[in-house]
Amino acid sequence: MPQANPLISVVDDDPSMSRMLCRAIKAAGLSVDVFGSAEEFLDSDASRASVCLILDVNLPGMSGLELQQRLNASRLEVPIIFMSAQADEAMKRRALKAGAVGFLRKPFSIESLLATLRSIPLPSVHC
C-alpha cells in the first residue's frame, strides 16, 4: 500500500541547502528525510522507503554518482534528481544515462525542483 505522504530523501552536505529543501518539500505536502552523506543515507531505512532521492553530486566520502551506481547495482530503483554547483555536461549526461530523472544546477529555484518532482510518477504527489 503506498504511503499517504510519500517520503523524499535529500542527501547534501550543505546544511543551509538541506534546510531550504526540507522546508520546500514539507510545504509541498511531502515527507522528507535529510542526510549529510551517502553513507548516512545507505545506513538508514530511508534507502528503501524513499520514493525519490534529491542528491548532491559532490559529497564527502562516497559521491552522489557513486551512490547512484550502488543503488543501481542493488536494484533499488528510486528516482534520483541530482543537483550540483560544479557539474559539467559530461557529468550530467553520465547521471541521466545511468537513470537519473533530473539534474538541477545550483542555484536553482524551488519551482524548478517542484516541477521536476511533478514530472515523476510518484504516489500521491500534488506539489
N, C-alpha and C. Protein backbone atom coordinates (compact mmCIF):
# COMPACT_ATOMS: atom_id res chain seq x y z
N MET A 1 0.86 -1.18 0.00
CA MET A 1 0.00 0.00 0.00
C MET A 1 0.90 1.24 0.00
N PRO A 2 0.70 2.18 -0.92
CA PRO A 2 1.54 3.37 -0.96
C PRO A 2 1.32 4.26 0.26
N GLN A 3 2.40 4.95 0.63
CA GLN A 3 2.31 5.91 1.72
C GLN A 3 1.35 7.02 1.35
N ALA A 4 0.58 7.50 2.35
CA ALA A 4 -0.29 8.64 2.09
C ALA A 4 0.54 9.90 1.86
N ASN A 5 1.71 9.94 2.46
CA ASN A 5 2.58 11.09 2.36
C ASN A 5 3.95 10.59 1.92
N PRO A 6 4.25 10.55 0.62
CA PRO A 6 5.49 9.95 0.13
C PRO A 6 6.74 10.57 0.74
N LEU A 7 7.73 9.72 0.96
CA LEU A 7 8.99 10.15 1.55
C LEU A 7 9.99 10.53 0.46
N ILE A 8 10.46 11.76 0.55
CA ILE A 8 11.52 12.25 -0.32
C ILE A 8 12.78 12.34 0.55
N SER A 9 13.88 11.80 0.06
CA SER A 9 15.14 11.91 0.81
C SER A 9 16.06 12.90 0.11
N VAL A 10 16.70 13.74 0.92
CA VAL A 10 17.66 14.72 0.43
C VAL A 10 19.03 14.33 0.99
N VAL A 11 20.02 14.22 0.09
CA VAL A 11 21.39 13.95 0.53
C VAL A 11 22.25 15.11 0.05
N ASP A 12 22.68 15.94 1.01
CA ASP A 12 23.50 17.11 0.71
C ASP A 12 24.30 17.45 1.96
N ASP A 13 25.56 17.76 1.80
CA ASP A 13 26.41 18.08 2.95
C ASP A 13 26.36 19.56 3.33
N ASP A 14 25.60 20.36 2.61
CA ASP A 14 25.45 21.78 2.91
C ASP A 14 24.19 21.97 3.77
N PRO A 15 24.35 22.25 5.07
CA PRO A 15 23.19 22.37 5.95
C PRO A 15 22.17 23.42 5.52
N SER A 16 22.62 24.55 4.98
CA SER A 16 21.66 25.58 4.57
C SER A 16 20.84 25.12 3.37
N MET A 17 21.46 24.44 2.43
CA MET A 17 20.73 23.89 1.28
C MET A 17 19.75 22.81 1.75
N SER A 18 20.19 21.96 2.65
CA SER A 18 19.31 20.91 3.16
C SER A 18 18.10 21.49 3.87
N ARG A 19 18.30 22.53 4.69
CA ARG A 19 17.17 23.17 5.38
C ARG A 19 16.18 23.78 4.38
N MET A 20 16.70 24.46 3.37
CA MET A 20 15.84 25.08 2.37
C MET A 20 15.03 24.03 1.62
N LEU A 21 15.67 22.94 1.22
CA LEU A 21 14.96 21.88 0.50
C LEU A 21 13.93 21.21 1.41
N CYS A 22 14.30 21.00 2.66
CA CYS A 22 13.39 20.39 3.62
C CYS A 22 12.12 21.23 3.77
N ARG A 23 12.28 22.53 3.96
CA ARG A 23 11.11 23.42 4.09
C ARG A 23 10.24 23.38 2.83
N ALA A 24 10.86 23.43 1.67
CA ALA A 24 10.10 23.46 0.42
C ALA A 24 9.34 22.15 0.20
N ILE A 25 9.98 21.05 0.49
CA ILE A 25 9.34 19.74 0.29
C ILE A 25 8.19 19.55 1.27
N LYS A 26 8.40 19.95 2.53
CA LYS A 26 7.32 19.87 3.52
C LYS A 26 6.16 20.78 3.13
N ALA A 27 6.47 21.98 2.62
CA ALA A 27 5.42 22.91 2.19
C ALA A 27 4.61 22.34 1.04
N ALA A 28 5.22 21.44 0.26
CA ALA A 28 4.51 20.80 -0.85
C ALA A 28 3.68 19.61 -0.37
N GLY A 29 3.68 19.36 0.94
CA GLY A 29 2.85 18.29 1.49
C GLY A 29 3.50 16.93 1.47
N LEU A 30 4.81 16.88 1.36
CA LEU A 30 5.52 15.61 1.31
C LEU A 30 6.36 15.43 2.57
N SER A 31 6.65 14.19 2.88
CA SER A 31 7.56 13.89 3.99
C SER A 31 8.99 13.96 3.47
N VAL A 32 9.91 14.34 4.33
CA VAL A 32 11.30 14.47 3.90
C VAL A 32 12.23 14.00 5.01
N ASP A 33 13.28 13.30 4.61
CA ASP A 33 14.40 12.97 5.48
C ASP A 33 15.63 13.60 4.85
N VAL A 34 16.54 14.10 5.68
CA VAL A 34 17.75 14.78 5.20
C VAL A 34 18.97 14.04 5.73
N PHE A 35 19.94 13.86 4.85
CA PHE A 35 21.18 13.16 5.19
C PHE A 35 22.37 13.98 4.71
N GLY A 36 23.44 13.97 5.50
CA GLY A 36 24.64 14.73 5.16
C GLY A 36 25.65 13.98 4.33
N SER A 37 25.40 12.68 4.12
CA SER A 37 26.34 11.89 3.32
C SER A 37 25.61 10.70 2.69
N ALA A 38 26.22 10.15 1.66
CA ALA A 38 25.67 8.97 1.00
C ALA A 38 25.66 7.78 1.96
N GLU A 39 26.71 7.67 2.76
CA GLU A 39 26.80 6.56 3.70
C GLU A 39 25.69 6.63 4.75
N GLU A 40 25.40 7.84 5.23
CA GLU A 40 24.33 8.02 6.20
C GLU A 40 22.99 7.60 5.60
N PHE A 41 22.77 7.96 4.35
CA PHE A 41 21.54 7.56 3.66
C PHE A 41 21.45 6.05 3.55
N LEU A 42 22.54 5.40 3.11
CA LEU A 42 22.53 3.95 2.93
C LEU A 42 22.30 3.20 4.24
N ASP A 43 22.76 3.77 5.35
CA ASP A 43 22.60 3.13 6.66
C ASP A 43 21.21 3.32 7.25
N SER A 44 20.37 4.08 6.58
CA SER A 44 19.04 4.39 7.11
C SER A 44 17.96 3.53 6.46
N ASP A 45 16.79 3.53 7.08
CA ASP A 45 15.62 2.87 6.49
C ASP A 45 15.13 3.62 5.26
N ALA A 46 15.47 4.90 5.16
CA ALA A 46 15.01 5.72 4.03
C ALA A 46 15.54 5.20 2.70
N SER A 47 16.65 4.47 2.73
CA SER A 47 17.21 3.96 1.47
C SER A 47 16.23 3.02 0.77
N ARG A 48 15.33 2.40 1.52
CA ARG A 48 14.33 1.52 0.92
C ARG A 48 12.92 2.14 0.90
N ALA A 49 12.70 3.16 1.72
CA ALA A 49 11.36 3.74 1.84
C ALA A 49 11.13 4.96 0.95
N SER A 50 12.20 5.54 0.44
CA SER A 50 12.07 6.79 -0.33
C SER A 50 11.45 6.54 -1.70
N VAL A 51 10.58 7.47 -2.10
CA VAL A 51 10.01 7.41 -3.44
C VAL A 51 10.78 8.30 -4.41
N CYS A 52 11.68 9.13 -3.87
CA CYS A 52 12.53 9.98 -4.68
C CYS A 52 13.73 10.41 -3.85
N LEU A 53 14.86 10.54 -4.51
CA LEU A 53 16.10 10.95 -3.86
C LEU A 53 16.60 12.21 -4.54
N ILE A 54 16.78 13.28 -3.76
CA ILE A 54 17.37 14.52 -4.27
C ILE A 54 18.81 14.50 -3.77
N LEU A 55 19.74 14.41 -4.71
CA LEU A 55 21.10 14.01 -4.39
C LEU A 55 22.13 14.98 -4.94
N ASP A 56 23.00 15.46 -4.05
CA ASP A 56 24.11 16.30 -4.47
C ASP A 56 25.16 15.41 -5.13
N VAL A 57 25.80 15.90 -6.16
CA VAL A 57 26.86 15.15 -6.83
C VAL A 57 28.10 15.09 -5.96
N ASN A 58 28.52 16.24 -5.44
CA ASN A 58 29.77 16.33 -4.68
C ASN A 58 29.51 16.21 -3.19
N LEU A 59 29.83 15.05 -2.66
CA LEU A 59 29.65 14.77 -1.24
C LEU A 59 30.97 14.30 -0.65
N PRO A 60 31.14 14.47 0.66
CA PRO A 60 32.33 13.89 1.28
C PRO A 60 32.20 12.37 1.27
N GLY A 61 33.29 11.66 1.13
CA GLY A 61 33.22 10.20 1.07
C GLY A 61 32.68 9.78 -0.29
N MET A 62 31.64 8.97 -0.27
CA MET A 62 31.02 8.48 -1.49
C MET A 62 30.30 9.62 -2.21
N SER A 63 30.58 9.80 -3.50
CA SER A 63 29.93 10.87 -4.27
C SER A 63 28.49 10.47 -4.61
N GLY A 64 27.73 11.45 -5.06
CA GLY A 64 26.37 11.16 -5.50
C GLY A 64 26.32 10.19 -6.66
N LEU A 65 27.26 10.31 -7.59
CA LEU A 65 27.30 9.38 -8.73
C LEU A 65 27.64 7.96 -8.27
N GLU A 66 28.51 7.86 -7.27
CA GLU A 66 28.84 6.53 -6.73
C GLU A 66 27.63 5.94 -6.00
N LEU A 67 26.89 6.77 -5.29
CA LEU A 67 25.67 6.29 -4.63
C LEU A 67 24.68 5.80 -5.67
N GLN A 68 24.52 6.53 -6.75
CA GLN A 68 23.63 6.10 -7.83
C GLN A 68 24.05 4.72 -8.35
N GLN A 69 25.34 4.53 -8.58
CA GLN A 69 25.84 3.23 -9.04
C GLN A 69 25.52 2.13 -8.03
N ARG A 70 25.69 2.43 -6.76
CA ARG A 70 25.43 1.45 -5.70
C ARG A 70 23.96 1.08 -5.67
N LEU A 71 23.08 2.07 -5.77
CA LEU A 71 21.65 1.80 -5.77
C LEU A 71 21.25 0.98 -6.99
N ASN A 72 21.81 1.33 -8.15
CA ASN A 72 21.52 0.57 -9.38
C ASN A 72 21.98 -0.87 -9.24
N ALA A 73 23.17 -1.09 -8.70
CA ALA A 73 23.71 -2.44 -8.53
C ALA A 73 22.86 -3.26 -7.55
N SER A 74 22.26 -2.57 -6.57
CA SER A 74 21.40 -3.24 -5.58
C SER A 74 19.96 -3.37 -6.07
N ARG A 75 19.71 -2.88 -7.26
CA ARG A 75 18.37 -2.89 -7.86
C ARG A 75 17.34 -2.13 -7.04
N LEU A 76 17.81 -1.09 -6.34
CA LEU A 76 16.91 -0.18 -5.64
C LEU A 76 16.57 0.92 -6.62
N GLU A 77 15.42 0.82 -7.22
CA GLU A 77 15.04 1.74 -8.28
C GLU A 77 14.27 2.92 -7.72
N VAL A 78 15.00 3.88 -7.20
CA VAL A 78 14.40 5.11 -6.69
C VAL A 78 14.74 6.23 -7.67
N PRO A 79 13.75 7.02 -8.09
CA PRO A 79 14.06 8.13 -8.97
C PRO A 79 15.03 9.11 -8.29
N ILE A 80 16.05 9.53 -9.03
CA ILE A 80 17.06 10.43 -8.48
C ILE A 80 17.05 11.74 -9.25
N ILE A 81 16.98 12.84 -8.49
CA ILE A 81 17.16 14.18 -9.03
C ILE A 81 18.51 14.66 -8.50
N PHE A 82 19.47 14.83 -9.40
CA PHE A 82 20.78 15.31 -9.00
C PHE A 82 20.77 16.83 -8.93
N MET A 83 21.67 17.35 -8.09
CA MET A 83 21.90 18.79 -8.03
C MET A 83 23.40 19.00 -7.83
N SER A 84 23.91 20.06 -8.44
CA SER A 84 25.33 20.35 -8.31
C SER A 84 25.62 21.78 -8.72
N ALA A 85 26.59 22.36 -8.03
CA ALA A 85 27.07 23.69 -8.40
C ALA A 85 28.25 23.61 -9.34
N GLN A 86 28.87 22.44 -9.42
CA GLN A 86 30.11 22.31 -10.18
C GLN A 86 30.02 21.29 -11.31
N ALA A 87 28.85 20.92 -11.71
CA ALA A 87 28.70 19.89 -12.72
C ALA A 87 28.98 20.42 -14.12
N ASP A 88 29.53 19.56 -14.94
CA ASP A 88 29.69 19.88 -16.35
C ASP A 88 28.73 19.00 -17.15
N GLU A 89 28.67 19.22 -18.45
CA GLU A 89 27.72 18.47 -19.29
C GLU A 89 28.01 16.97 -19.28
N ALA A 90 29.28 16.58 -19.23
CA ALA A 90 29.64 15.16 -19.22
C ALA A 90 29.09 14.48 -17.96
N MET A 91 29.21 15.17 -16.83
CA MET A 91 28.70 14.63 -15.58
C MET A 91 27.18 14.50 -15.63
N LYS A 92 26.54 15.51 -16.18
CA LYS A 92 25.08 15.49 -16.31
C LYS A 92 24.64 14.33 -17.21
N ARG A 93 25.29 14.18 -18.35
CA ARG A 93 24.96 13.06 -19.26
C ARG A 93 25.15 11.72 -18.58
N ARG A 94 26.25 11.58 -17.83
CA ARG A 94 26.54 10.32 -17.14
C ARG A 94 25.42 9.98 -16.15
N ALA A 95 25.00 10.98 -15.36
CA ALA A 95 23.94 10.76 -14.37
C ALA A 95 22.62 10.39 -15.04
N LEU A 96 22.27 11.10 -16.09
CA LEU A 96 21.00 10.83 -16.79
C LEU A 96 21.04 9.48 -17.49
N LYS A 97 22.17 9.15 -18.08
CA LYS A 97 22.31 7.85 -18.76
C LYS A 97 22.17 6.70 -17.77
N ALA A 98 22.61 6.91 -16.54
CA ALA A 98 22.51 5.88 -15.51
C ALA A 98 21.13 5.84 -14.85
N GLY A 99 20.21 6.69 -15.32
CA GLY A 99 18.84 6.60 -14.86
C GLY A 99 18.29 7.77 -14.06
N ALA A 100 19.09 8.80 -13.82
CA ALA A 100 18.56 9.96 -13.10
C ALA A 100 17.39 10.56 -13.87
N VAL A 101 16.42 11.09 -13.13
CA VAL A 101 15.23 11.67 -13.76
C VAL A 101 15.33 13.19 -13.90
N GLY A 102 16.37 13.77 -13.30
CA GLY A 102 16.56 15.21 -13.40
C GLY A 102 17.94 15.60 -12.93
N PHE A 103 18.36 16.79 -13.36
CA PHE A 103 19.67 17.31 -12.97
C PHE A 103 19.54 18.82 -12.87
N LEU A 104 19.64 19.33 -11.65
CA LEU A 104 19.48 20.76 -11.41
C LEU A 104 20.84 21.38 -11.07
N ARG A 105 21.12 22.49 -11.71
CA ARG A 105 22.37 23.19 -11.44
C ARG A 105 22.11 24.24 -10.37
N LYS A 106 22.90 24.17 -9.28
CA LYS A 106 22.79 25.14 -8.19
C LYS A 106 23.35 26.47 -8.64
N PRO A 107 22.74 27.56 -8.28
CA PRO A 107 21.47 27.65 -7.55
C PRO A 107 20.29 27.41 -8.50
N PHE A 108 19.27 26.79 -7.99
CA PHE A 108 18.05 26.56 -8.77
C PHE A 108 16.86 27.06 -7.97
N SER A 109 15.76 27.27 -8.66
CA SER A 109 14.55 27.75 -7.99
C SER A 109 13.79 26.57 -7.39
N ILE A 110 13.05 26.85 -6.34
CA ILE A 110 12.19 25.83 -5.75
C ILE A 110 11.17 25.37 -6.78
N GLU A 111 10.69 26.29 -7.59
CA GLU A 111 9.71 25.92 -8.63
C GLU A 111 10.29 24.90 -9.60
N SER A 112 11.56 25.05 -9.97
CA SER A 112 12.16 24.07 -10.89
C SER A 112 12.29 22.70 -10.22
N LEU A 113 12.58 22.69 -8.92
CA LEU A 113 12.63 21.42 -8.20
C LEU A 113 11.25 20.79 -8.15
N LEU A 114 10.23 21.57 -7.79
CA LEU A 114 8.87 21.03 -7.71
C LEU A 114 8.37 20.58 -9.07
N ALA A 115 8.73 21.30 -10.13
CA ALA A 115 8.34 20.88 -11.47
C ALA A 115 8.98 19.53 -11.82
N THR A 116 10.22 19.34 -11.43
CA THR A 116 10.88 18.06 -11.67
C THR A 116 10.21 16.96 -10.86
N LEU A 117 9.87 17.23 -9.60
CA LEU A 117 9.16 16.25 -8.79
C LEU A 117 7.81 15.89 -9.42
N ARG A 118 7.10 16.89 -9.92
CA ARG A 118 5.79 16.64 -10.55
C ARG A 118 5.91 15.76 -11.79
N SER A 119 7.07 15.80 -12.45
CA SER A 119 7.24 15.03 -13.69
C SER A 119 7.49 13.55 -13.42
N ILE A 120 7.70 13.19 -12.18
CA ILE A 120 7.99 11.80 -11.82
C ILE A 120 6.69 11.14 -11.37
N PRO A 121 6.41 9.94 -11.84
CA PRO A 121 5.18 9.26 -11.39
C PRO A 121 5.32 8.75 -9.97
N LEU A 122 5.10 9.63 -9.00
CA LEU A 122 5.19 9.26 -7.59
C LEU A 122 3.79 9.10 -7.03
N PRO A 123 3.65 8.26 -6.00
CA PRO A 123 2.33 8.11 -5.40
C PRO A 123 1.88 9.37 -4.69
N SER A 124 0.72 9.85 -5.01
CA SER A 124 0.07 10.98 -4.31
C SER A 124 0.90 12.25 -4.26
N VAL A 125 1.59 12.60 -5.33
CA VAL A 125 2.36 13.83 -5.33
C VAL A 125 1.56 14.92 -6.01
N HIS A 126 1.22 15.94 -5.25
CA HIS A 126 0.47 17.08 -5.77
C HIS A 126 1.14 18.35 -5.28
N CYS A 127 2.35 18.64 -5.79
CA CYS A 127 3.07 19.82 -5.30
C CYS A 127 2.96 20.96 -6.29
